Amino acid sequence: ASVNTYTLGVECEEKGLQNRKVTCTIQGDALVSDYPN
């Protein structure tokens, strides 16, 4: 199990097997997650 908290439109740290930066947005009918690295 993993638990992560995100703020829409703000780069956040996602915890998992490897921690990574992600920005989540809602674009129309989709949840979009952008990982720059």
Full PDB file with SEQRES, HELIX, SHEET, SSBOND, CRYST1, ORIGX, SCALE, CONECT and MASTER records, all heavy atoms in Angstrom:
SEQRES   1 A   37  ALA SER VAL ASN THR TYR THR LEU GLY VAL GLU CYS GLU          
SEQRES   2 A   37  GLU LYS GLY LEU GLN ASN ARG LYS VAL THR CYS THR ILE          
SEQRES   3 A   37  GLN GLY ASP ALA LEU VAL SER ASP TYR PRO ASN                  
SHEET    1 AA1 3 GLU A  11  GLU A  14  0                                        
SHEET    2 AA1 3 ARG A  20  GLN A  27 -1                                        
SHEET    3 AA1 3 ALA A  30  ASP A  34 -1                                        
CRYST1    1.000    1.000    1.000  90.00  90.00  90.00 P 1           1          
ORIGX1      1.000000  0.000000  0.000000        0.00000                         
ORIGX2      0.000000  1.000000  0.000000        0.00000                         
ORIGX3      0.000000  0.000000  1.000000        0.00000                         
SCALE1      1.000000  0.000000  0.000000        0.00000                         
SCALE2      0.000000  1.000000  0.000000        0.00000                         
SCALE3      0.000000  0.000000  1.000000        0.00000                         
ATOM      1  N   ALA A   1       0.844  -1.198   0.000  1.00  0.00           N  
ATOM      2  CA  ALA A   1       0.000   0.000   0.000  1.00  0.00           C  
ATOM      3  C   ALA A   1       0.876   1.243   0.000  1.00  0.00           C  
ATOM      4  O   ALA A   1       1.966   1.256   0.578  1.00  0.00           O  
ATOM      5  CB  ALA A   1      -0.912   0.008   1.215  1.00  0.00           C  
ATOM      6  N   SER A   2       0.381   2.266  -0.673  1.00  0.00           N  
ATOM      7  CA  SER A   2       1.035   3.580  -0.615  1.00  0.00           C  
ATOM      8  C   SER A   2      -0.049   4.633  -0.445  1.00  0.00           C  
ATOM      9  O   SER A   2      -1.161   4.479  -0.952  1.00  0.00           O  
ATOM     10  CB  SER A   2       1.854   3.850  -1.885  1.00  0.00           C  
ATOM     11  OG  SER A   2       1.013   3.948  -3.006  1.00  0.00           O  
ATOM     12  N   VAL A   3       0.284   5.676   0.301  1.00  0.00           N  
ATOM     13  CA  VAL A   3      -0.638   6.786   0.521  1.00  0.00           C  
ATOM     14  C   VAL A   3       0.110   8.064   0.166  1.00  0.00           C  
ATOM     15  O   VAL A   3       1.203   8.310   0.681  1.00  0.00           O  
ATOM     16  CB  VAL A   3      -1.131   6.838   1.986  1.00  0.00           C  
ATOM     17  CG1 VAL A   3      -2.044   8.029   2.197  1.00  0.00           C  
ATOM     18  CG2 VAL A   3      -1.823   5.538   2.386  1.00  0.00           C  
ATOM     19  N   ASN A   4      -0.478   8.844  -0.717  1.00  0.00           N  
ATOM     20  CA  ASN A   4       0.132  10.107  -1.141  1.00  0.00           C  
ATOM     21  C   ASN A   4      -0.921  11.196  -1.158  1.00  0.00           C  
ATOM     22  O   ASN A   4      -2.082  10.937  -1.480  1.00  0.00           O  
ATOM     23  CB  ASN A   4       0.743   9.968  -2.537  1.00  0.00           C  
ATOM     24  CG  ASN A   4       2.016   9.168  -2.522  1.00  0.00           C  
ATOM     25  OD1 ASN A   4       3.052   9.642  -2.066  1.00  0.00           O  
ATOM     26  ND2 ASN A   4       1.962   7.929  -2.993  1.00  0.00           N  
ATOM     27  N   THR A   5      -0.495  12.417  -0.819  1.00  0.00           N  
ATOM     28  CA  THR A   5      -1.375  13.576  -0.871  1.00  0.00           C  
ATOM     29  C   THR A   5      -0.824  14.549  -1.902  1.00  0.00           C  
ATOM     30  O   THR A   5       0.386  14.810  -1.945  1.00  0.00           O  
ATOM     31  CB  THR A   5      -1.478  14.247   0.511  1.00  0.00           C  
ATOM     32  OG1 THR A   5      -2.030  13.297   1.436  1.00  0.00           O  
ATOM     33  CG2 THR A   5      -2.391  15.468   0.463  1.00  0.00           C  
ATOM     34  N   TYR A   6      -1.723  15.047  -2.742  1.00  0.00           N  
ATOM     35  CA  TYR A   6      -1.358  15.932  -3.846  1.00  0.00           C  
ATOM     36  C   TYR A   6      -2.185  17.209  -3.753  1.00  0.00           C  
ATOM     37  O   TYR A   6      -3.314  17.191  -3.273  1.00  0.00           O  
ATOM     38  CB  TYR A   6      -1.671  15.273  -5.193  1.00  0.00           C  
ATOM     39  CG  TYR A   6      -1.102  13.888  -5.354  1.00  0.00           C  
ATOM     40  CD1 TYR A   6      -1.830  12.764  -4.969  1.00  0.00           C  
ATOM     41  CD2 TYR A   6       0.160  13.699  -5.897  1.00  0.00           C  
ATOM     42  CE1 TYR A   6      -1.315  11.484  -5.124  1.00  0.00           C  
ATOM     43  CE2 TYR A   6       0.682  12.421  -6.058  1.00  0.00           C  
ATOM     44  CZ  TYR A   6      -0.060  11.318  -5.665  1.00  0.00           C  
ATOM     45  OH  TYR A   6       0.454  10.057  -5.816  1.00  0.00           O  
ATOM     46  N   THR A   7      -1.624  18.302  -4.256  1.00  0.00           N  
ATOM     47  CA  THR A   7      -2.355  19.548  -4.448  1.00  0.00           C  
ATOM     48  C   THR A   7      -2.406  19.781  -5.946  1.00  0.00           C  
ATOM     49  O   THR A   7      -1.360  19.802  -6.611  1.00  0.00           O  
ATOM     50  CB  THR A   7      -1.656  20.727  -3.744  1.00  0.00           C  
ATOM     51  OG1 THR A   7      -1.556  20.436  -2.344  1.00  0.00           O  
ATOM     52  CG2 THR A   7      -2.433  22.023  -3.945  1.00  0.00           C  
ATOM     53  N   LEU A   8      -3.612  19.915  -6.487  1.00  0.00           N  
ATOM     54  CA  LEU A   8      -3.761  20.110  -7.926  1.00  0.00           C  
ATOM     55  C   LEU A   8      -2.970  21.327  -8.389  1.00  0.00           C  
ATOM     56  O   LEU A   8      -3.033  22.399  -7.785  1.00  0.00           O  
ATOM     57  CB  LEU A   8      -5.238  20.263  -8.294  1.00  0.00           C  
ATOM     58  CG  LEU A   8      -6.082  19.003  -8.139  1.00  0.00           C  
ATOM     59  CD1 LEU A   8      -7.562  19.321  -8.328  1.00  0.00           C  
ATOM     60  CD2 LEU A   8      -5.646  17.916  -9.106  1.00  0.00           C  
ATOM     61  N   GLY A   9      -2.185  21.146  -9.460  1.00  0.00           N  
ATOM     62  CA  GLY A   9      -1.429  22.226 -10.053  1.00  0.00           C  
ATOM     63  C   GLY A   9      -0.123  22.569  -9.357  1.00  0.00           C  
ATOM     64  O   GLY A   9       0.579  23.481  -9.780  1.00  0.00           O  
ATOM     65  N   VAL A  10       0.234  21.827  -8.299  1.00  0.00           N  
ATOM     66  CA  VAL A  10       1.453  22.098  -7.542  1.00  0.00           C  
ATOM     67  C   VAL A  10       2.338  20.857  -7.566  1.00  0.00           C  
ATOM     68  O   VAL A  10       1.853  19.739  -7.354  1.00  0.00           O  
ATOM     69  CB  VAL A  10       1.111  22.470  -6.072  1.00  0.00           C  
ATOM     70  CG1 VAL A  10       2.380  22.648  -5.244  1.00  0.00           C  
ATOM     71  CG2 VAL A  10       0.251  23.717  -6.023  1.00  0.00           C  
ATOM     72  N   GLU A  11       3.634  21.034  -7.816  1.00  0.00           N  
ATOM     73  CA  GLU A  11       4.545  19.894  -7.797  1.00  0.00           C  
ATOM     74  C   GLU A  11       4.610  19.324  -6.382  1.00  0.00           C  
ATOM     75  O   GLU A  11       4.807  20.062  -5.413  1.00  0.00           O  
ATOM     76  CB  GLU A  11       5.943  20.309  -8.258  1.00  0.00           C  
ATOM     77  CG  GLU A  11       6.875  19.118  -8.408  1.00  0.00           C  
ATOM     78  CD  GLU A  11       8.218  19.494  -8.978  1.00  0.00           C  
ATOM     79  OE1 GLU A  11       9.009  20.127  -8.238  1.00  0.00           O  
ATOM     80  OE2 GLU A  11       8.470  19.168 -10.160  1.00  0.00           O  
ATOM     81  N   CYS A  12       4.412  18.005  -6.283  1.00  0.00           N  
ATOM     82  CA  CYS A  12       4.391  17.305  -5.003  1.00  0.00           C  
ATOM     83  C   CYS A  12       5.364  16.136  -5.058  1.00  0.00           C  
ATOM     84  O   CYS A  12       5.774  15.709  -6.132  1.00  0.00           O  
ATOM     85  CB  CYS A  12       2.985  16.764  -4.714  1.00  0.00           C  
ATOM     86  SG  CYS A  12       1.712  18.037  -4.641  1.00  0.00           S  
ATOM     87  N   GLU A  13       5.696  15.597  -3.898  1.00  0.00           N  
ATOM     88  CA  GLU A  13       6.542  14.409  -3.826  1.00  0.00           C  
ATOM     89  C   GLU A  13       5.635  13.189  -3.695  1.00  0.00           C  
ATOM     90  O   GLU A  13       4.787  13.125  -2.811  1.00  0.00           O  
ATOM     91  CB  GLU A  13       7.475  14.484  -2.630  1.00  0.00           C  
ATOM     92  CG  GLU A  13       8.276  13.224  -2.450  1.00  0.00           C  
ATOM     93  CD  GLU A  13       9.771  13.457  -2.453  1.00  0.00           C  
ATOM     94  OE1 GLU A  13      10.197  14.590  -2.711  1.00  0.00           O  
ATOM     95  OE2 GLU A  13      10.484  12.499  -2.188  1.00  0.00           O  
ATOM     96  N   GLU A  14       5.809  12.245  -4.596  1.00  0.00           N  
ATOM     97  CA  GLU A  14       5.047  10.994  -4.567  1.00  0.00           C  
ATOM     98  C   GLU A  14       5.957   9.913  -3.984  1.00  0.00           C  
ATOM     99  O   GLU A  14       7.054   9.672  -4.484  1.00  0.00           O  
ATOM    100  CB  GLU A  14       4.614  10.621  -5.988  1.00  0.00           C  
ATOM    101  CG  GLU A  14       3.760   9.393  -6.059  1.00  0.00           C  
ATOM    102  CD  GLU A  14       3.313   9.123  -7.474  1.00  0.00           C  
ATOM    103  OE1 GLU A  14       4.125   8.557  -8.242  1.00  0.00           O  
ATOM    104  OE2 GLU A  14       2.177   9.499  -7.817  1.00  0.00           O  
ATOM    105  N   LYS A  15       5.474   9.273  -2.913  1.00  0.00           N  
ATOM    106  CA  LYS A  15       6.251   8.227  -2.257  1.00  0.00           C  
ATOM    107  C   LYS A  15       5.868   6.877  -2.835  1.00  0.00           C  
ATOM    108  O   LYS A  15       4.716   6.612  -3.128  1.00  0.00           O  
ATOM    109  CB  LYS A  15       6.001   8.254  -0.758  1.00  0.00           C  
ATOM    110  CG  LYS A  15       6.433   9.550  -0.111  1.00  0.00           C  
ATOM    111  CD  LYS A  15       6.070   9.586   1.355  1.00  0.00           C  
ATOM    112  CE  LYS A  15       6.393  10.940   1.925  1.00  0.00           C  
ATOM    113  NZ  LYS A  15       5.241  11.774   2.090  1.00  0.00           N  
ATOM    114  N   GLY A  16       6.846   6.023  -2.997  1.00  0.00           N  
ATOM    115  CA  GLY A  16       6.620   4.684  -3.519  1.00  0.00           C  
ATOM    116  C   GLY A  16       7.914   3.915  -3.476  1.00  0.00           C  
ATOM    117  O   GLY A  16       8.771   4.181  -2.628  1.00  0.00           O  
ATOM    118  N   LEU A  17       8.093   2.976  -4.407  1.00  0.00           N  
ATOM    119  CA  LEU A  17       9.354   2.248  -4.472  1.00  0.00           C  
ATOM    120  C   LEU A  17      10.510   3.219  -4.688  1.00  0.00           C  
ATOM    121  O   LEU A  17      11.613   3.005  -4.227  1.00  0.00           O  
ATOM    122  CB  LEU A  17       9.320   1.206  -5.592  1.00  0.00           C  
ATOM    123  CG  LEU A  17       8.293   0.085  -5.413  1.00  0.00           C  
ATOM    124  CD1 LEU A  17       8.253  -0.808  -6.641  1.00  0.00           C  
ATOM    125  CD2 LEU A  17       8.585  -0.724  -4.163  1.00  0.00           C  
ATOM    126  N   GLN A  18      10.226   4.296  -5.421  1.00  0.00           N  
ATOM    127  CA  GLN A  18      11.185   5.388  -5.619  1.00  0.00           C  
ATOM    128  C   GLN A  18      10.392   6.684  -5.485  1.00  0.00           C  
ATOM    129  O   GLN A  18       9.369   6.863  -6.139  1.00  0.00           O  
ATOM    130  CB  GLN A  18      11.800   5.285  -7.015  1.00  0.00           C  
ATOM    131  CG  GLN A  18      12.764   6.391  -7.333  1.00  0.00           C  
ATOM    132  CD  GLN A  18      13.323   6.280  -8.752  1.00  0.00           C  
ATOM    133  OE1 GLN A  18      13.123   5.288  -9.433  1.00  0.00           O  
ATOM    134  NE2 GLN A  18      14.014   7.310  -9.180  1.00  0.00           N  
ATOM    135  N   ASN A  19      10.829   7.574  -4.611  1.00  0.00           N  
ATOM    136  CA  ASN A  19      10.145   8.856  -4.475  1.00  0.00           C  
ATOM    137  C   ASN A  19      10.415   9.696  -5.712  1.00  0.00           C  
ATOM    138  O   ASN A  19      11.522   9.690  -6.244  1.00  0.00           O  
ATOM    139  CB  ASN A  19      10.615   9.594  -3.225  1.00  0.00           C  
ATOM    140  CG  ASN A  19      10.209   8.883  -1.954  1.00  0.00           C  
ATOM    141  OD1 ASN A  19       9.453   7.917  -1.982  1.00  0.00           O  
ATOM    142  ND2 ASN A  19      10.708   9.354  -0.836  1.00  0.00           N  
ATOM    143  N   ARG A  20       9.364  10.410  -6.181  1.00  0.00           N  
ATOM    144  CA  ARG A  20       9.528  11.233  -7.373  1.00  0.00           C  
ATOM    145  C   ARG A  20       8.608  12.448  -7.303  1.00  0.00           C  
ATOM    146  O   ARG A  20       7.601  12.442  -6.619  1.00  0.00           O  
ATOM    147  CB  ARG A  20       9.268  10.445  -8.651  1.00  0.00           C  
ATOM    148  CG  ARG A  20       8.232   9.398  -8.589  1.00  0.00           C  
ATOM    149  CD  ARG A  20       8.072   8.641  -9.905  1.00  0.00           C  
ATOM    150  NE  ARG A  20       8.961   7.560 -10.134  1.00  0.00           N  
ATOM    151  CZ  ARG A  20       8.744   6.291  -9.814  1.00  0.00           C  
ATOM    152  NH1 ARG A  20       7.646   5.947  -9.237  1.00  0.00           N  
ATOM    153  NH2 ARG A  20       9.611   5.358 -10.102  1.00  0.00           N  
ATOM    154  N   LYS A  21       8.997  13.475  -8.042  1.00  0.00           N  
ATOM    155  CA  LYS A  21       8.199  14.704  -8.143  1.00  0.00           C  
ATOM    156  C   LYS A  21       7.124  14.514  -9.210  1.00  0.00           C  
ATOM    157  O   LYS A  21       7.376  13.926 -10.263  1.00  0.00           O  
ATOM    158  CB  LYS A  21       9.075  15.897  -8.519  1.00  0.00           C  
ATOM    159  CG  LYS A  21      10.178  16.192  -7.532  1.00  0.00           C  
ATOM    160  CD  LYS A  21       9.631  16.787  -6.273  1.00  0.00           C  
ATOM    161  CE  LYS A  21      10.780  17.208  -5.356  1.00  0.00           C  
ATOM    162  NZ  LYS A  21      10.294  17.647  -4.076  1.00  0.00           N  
ATOM    163  N   VAL A  22       5.933  15.043  -8.931  1.00  0.00           N  
ATOM    164  CA  VAL A  22       4.818  14.943  -9.867  1.00  0.00           C  
ATOM    165  C   VAL A  22       3.910  16.157  -9.691  1.00  0.00           C  
ATOM    166  O   VAL A  22       3.755  16.678  -8.587  1.00  0.00           O  
ATOM    167  CB  VAL A  22       4.018  13.628  -9.652  1.00  0.00           C  
ATOM    168  CG1 VAL A  22       3.430  13.551  -8.252  1.00  0.00           C  
ATOM    169  CG2 VAL A  22       2.923  13.469 -10.703  1.00  0.00           C  
ATOM    170  N   THR A  23       3.339  16.596 -10.797  1.00  0.00           N  
ATOM    171  CA  THR A  23       2.311  17.635 -10.769  1.00  0.00           C  
ATOM    172  C   THR A  23       1.036  17.033 -11.342  1.00  0.00           C  
ATOM    173  O   THR A  23       1.042  16.522 -12.471  1.00  0.00           O  
ATOM    174  CB  THR A  23       2.735  18.862 -11.597  1.00  0.00           C  
ATOM    175  OG1 THR A  23       3.971  19.361 -11.071  1.00  0.00           O  
ATOM    176  CG2 THR A  23       1.674  19.952 -11.541  1.00  0.00           C  
ATOM    177  N   CYS A  24      -0.038  17.063 -10.551  1.00  0.00           N  
ATOM    178  CA  CYS A  24      -1.336  16.516 -10.975  1.00  0.00           C  
ATOM    179  C   CYS A  24      -2.284  17.658 -11.319  1.00  0.00           C  
ATOM    180  O   CYS A  24      -2.334  18.664 -10.607  1.00  0.00           O  
ATOM    181  CB  CYS A  24      -1.951  15.674  -9.856  1.00  0.00           C  
ATOM    182  SG  CYS A  24      -0.974  14.242  -9.396  1.00  0.00           S  
ATOM    183  N   THR A  25      -3.008  17.490 -12.412  1.00  0.00           N  
ATOM    184  CA  THR A  25      -4.014  18.465 -12.826  1.00  0.00           C  
ATOM    185  C   THR A  25      -5.236  17.717 -13.340  1.00  0.00           C  
ATOM    186  O   THR A  25      -5.138  16.549 -13.727  1.00  0.00           O  
ATOM    187  CB  THR A  25      -3.481  19.378 -13.953  1.00  0.00           C  
ATOM    188  OG1 THR A  25      -3.035  18.569 -15.046  1.00  0.00           O  
ATOM    189  CG2 THR A  25      -2.348  20.267 -13.461  1.00  0.00           C  
ATOM    190  N   ILE A  26      -6.360  18.389 -13.327  1.00  0.00           N  
ATOM    191  CA  ILE A  26      -7.543  17.851 -13.988  1.00  0.00           C  
ATOM    192  C   ILE A  26      -7.661  18.598 -15.300  1.00  0.00           C  
ATOM    193  O   ILE A  26      -7.720  19.829 -15.326  1.00  0.00           O  
ATOM    194  CB  ILE A  26      -8.803  18.021 -13.128  1.00  0.00           C  
ATOM    195  CG1 ILE A  26      -8.683  17.158 -11.870  1.00  0.00           C  
ATOM    196  CG2 ILE A  26     -10.061  17.637 -13.925  1.00  0.00           C  
ATOM    197  CD1 ILE A  26      -9.853  17.270 -10.918  1.00  0.00           C  
ATOM    198  N   GLN A  27      -7.640  17.834 -16.388  1.00  0.00           N  
ATOM    199  CA  GLN A  27      -7.756  18.407 -17.723  1.00  0.00           C  
ATOM    200  C   GLN A  27      -8.988  17.795 -18.374  1.00  0.00           C  
ATOM    201  O   GLN A  27      -8.949  16.646 -18.810  1.00  0.00           O  
ATOM    202  CB  GLN A  27      -6.480  18.140 -18.523  1.00  0.00           C  
ATOM    203  CG  GLN A  27      -5.274  18.815 -17.907  1.00  0.00           C  
ATOM    204  CD  GLN A  27      -3.992  18.578 -18.664  1.00  0.00           C  
ATOM    205  OE1 GLN A  27      -3.999  18.192 -19.831  1.00  0.00           O  
ATOM    206  NE2 GLN A  27      -2.870  18.814 -18.007  1.00  0.00           N  
ATOM    207  N   GLY A  28     -10.087  18.562 -18.362  1.00  0.00           N  
ATOM    208  CA  GLY A  28     -11.354  18.045 -18.883  1.00  0.00           C  
ATOM    209  C   GLY A  28     -11.833  16.884 -18.043  1.00  0.00           C  
ATOM    210  O   GLY A  28     -12.038  17.027 -16.842  1.00  0.00           O  
ATOM    211  N   ASP A  29     -11.945  15.709 -18.661  1.00  0.00           N  
ATOM    212  CA  ASP A  29     -12.446  14.530 -17.945  1.00  0.00           C  
ATOM    213  C   ASP A  29     -11.317  13.610 -17.486  1.00  0.00           C  
ATOM    214  O   ASP A  29     -11.537  12.444 -17.186  1.00  0.00           O  
ATOM    215  CB  ASP A  29     -13.425  13.749 -18.829  1.00  0.00           C  
ATOM    216  CG  ASP A  29     -12.772  13.167 -20.077  1.00  0.00           C  
ATOM    217  OD1 ASP A  29     -11.611  13.523 -20.374  1.00  0.00           O  
ATOM    218  OD2 ASP A  29     -13.424  12.348 -20.755  1.00  0.00           O  
ATOM    219  N   ALA A  30     -10.079  14.128 -17.398  1.00  0.00           N  
ATOM    220  CA  ALA A  30      -8.934  13.277 -17.067  1.00  0.00           C  
ATOM    221  C   ALA A  30      -8.128  13.840 -15.898  1.00  0.00           C  
ATOM    222  O   ALA A  30      -7.980  15.057 -15.739  1.00  0.00           O  
ATOM    223  CB  ALA A  30      -8.019  13.134 -18.284  1.00  0.00           C  
ATOM    224  N   LEU A  31      -7.587  12.921 -15.088  1.00  0.00           N  
ATOM    225  CA  LEU A  31      -6.591  13.256 -14.071  1.00  0.00           C  
ATOM    226  C   LEU A  31      -5.235  13.026 -14.726  1.00  0.00           C  
ATOM    227  O   LEU A  31      -4.909  11.901 -15.124  1.00  0.00           O  
ATOM    228  CB  LEU A  31      -6.737  12.359 -12.837  1.00  0.00           C  
ATOM    229  CG  LEU A  31      -5.634  12.500 -11.780  1.00  0.00           C  
ATOM    230  CD1 LEU A  31      -5.590  13.917 -11.222  1.00  0.00           C  
ATOM    231  CD2 LEU A  31      -5.841  11.479 -10.667  1.00  0.00           C  
ATOM    232  N   VAL A  32      -4.460  14.083 -14.874  1.00  0.00           N  
ATOM    233  CA  VAL A  32      -3.169  14.012 -15.562  1.00  0.00           C  
ATOM    234  C   VAL A  32      -2.051  14.197 -14.534  1.00  0.00           C  
ATOM    235  O   VAL A  32      -2.082  15.128 -13.728  1.00  0.00           O  
ATOM    236  CB  VAL A  32      -3.070  15.088 -16.667  1.00  0.00           C  
ATOM    237  CG1 VAL A  32      -1.708  15.066 -17.328  1.00  0.00           C  
ATOM    238  CG2 VAL A  32      -4.183  14.887 -17.689  1.00  0.00           C  
ATOM    239  N   SER A  33      -1.078  13.294 -14.582  1.00  0.00           N  
ATOM    240  CA  SER A  33       0.080  13.345 -13.694  1.00  0.00           C  
ATOM    241  C   SER A  33       1.334  13.493 -14.559  1.00  0.00           C  
ATOM    242  O   SER A  33       1.606  12.630 -15.397  1.00  0.00           O  
ATOM    243  CB  SER A  33       0.178  12.064 -12.863  1.00  0.00           C  
ATOM    244  OG  SER A  33      -1.008  11.851 -12.126  1.00  0.00           O  
ATOM    245  N   ASP A  34       2.070  14.578 -14.352  1.00  0.00           N  
ATOM    246  CA  ASP A  34       3.293  14.845 -15.107  1.00  0.00           C  
ATOM    247  C   ASP A  34       4.504  14.670 -14.192  1.00  0.00           C  
ATOM    248  O   ASP A  34       4.611  15.334 -13.154  1.00  0.00           O  
ATOM    249  CB  ASP A  34       3.275  16.268 -15.678  1.00  0.00           C  
ATOM    250  CG  ASP A  34       2.315  16.401 -16.836  1.00  0.00           C  
ATOM    251  OD1 ASP A  34       2.434  15.619 -17.806  1.00  0.00           O  
ATOM    252  OD2 ASP A  34       1.440  17.289 -16.777  1.00  0.00           O  
ATOM    253  N   TYR A  35       5.388  13.751 -14.600  1.00  0.00           N  
ATOM    254  CA  TYR A  35       6.619  13.459 -13.876  1.00  0.00           C  
ATOM    255  C   TYR A  35       7.786  13.996 -14.703  1.00  0.00           C  
ATOM    256  O   TYR A  35       8.110  13.427 -15.739  1.00  0.00           O  
ATOM    257  CB  TYR A  35       6.789  11.946 -13.705  1.00  0.00           C  
ATOM    258  CG  TYR A  35       5.693  11.270 -12.922  1.00  0.00           C  
ATOM    259  CD1 TYR A  35       4.517  10.863 -13.544  1.00  0.00           C  
ATOM    260  CD2 TYR A  35       5.840  11.022 -11.564  1.00  0.00           C  
ATOM    261  CE1 TYR A  35       3.510  10.232 -12.837  1.00  0.00           C  
ATOM    262  CE2 TYR A  35       4.835  10.384 -10.846  1.00  0.00           C  
ATOM    263  CZ  TYR A  35       3.678   9.993 -11.487  1.00  0.00           C  
ATOM    264  OH  TYR A  35       2.677   9.370 -10.779  1.00  0.00           O  
ATOM    265  N   PRO A  36       8.448  15.070 -14.253  1.00  0.00           N  
ATOM    266  CA  PRO A  36       9.522  15.652 -15.059  1.00  0.00           C  
ATOM    267  C   PRO A  36      10.813  14.825 -15.046  1.00  0.00           C  
ATOM    268  O   PRO A  36      11.661  14.996 -15.923  1.00  0.00           O  
ATOM    269  CB  PRO A  36       9.746  17.021 -14.412  1.00  0.00           C  
ATOM    270  CG  PRO A  36       9.288  16.848 -13.000  1.00  0.00           C  
ATOM    271  CD  PRO A  36       8.176  15.843 -13.047  1.00  0.00           C  
ATOM    272  N   ASN A  37      10.961  13.922 -14.054  1.00  0.00           N  
ATOM    273  CA  ASN A  37      12.190  13.149 -13.914  1.00  0.00           C  
ATOM    274  C   ASN A  37      11.853  11.825 -13.230  1.00  0.00           C  
ATOM    275  O   ASN A  37      12.274  11.562 -12.108  1.00  0.00           O  
ATOM    276  CB  ASN A  37      13.222  13.938 -13.100  1.00  0.00           C  
ATOM    277  CG  ASN A  37      14.565  13.272 -13.038  1.00  0.00           C  
ATOM    278  OD1 ASN A  37      14.859  12.335 -13.770  1.00  0.00           O  
ATOM    279  ND2 ASN A  37      15.403  13.763 -12.142  1.00  0.00           N  
TER     280      ASN A  37                                                      
MASTER        0    0    0    0    3    0    0    6  279    1    0    3          
END                                                                             
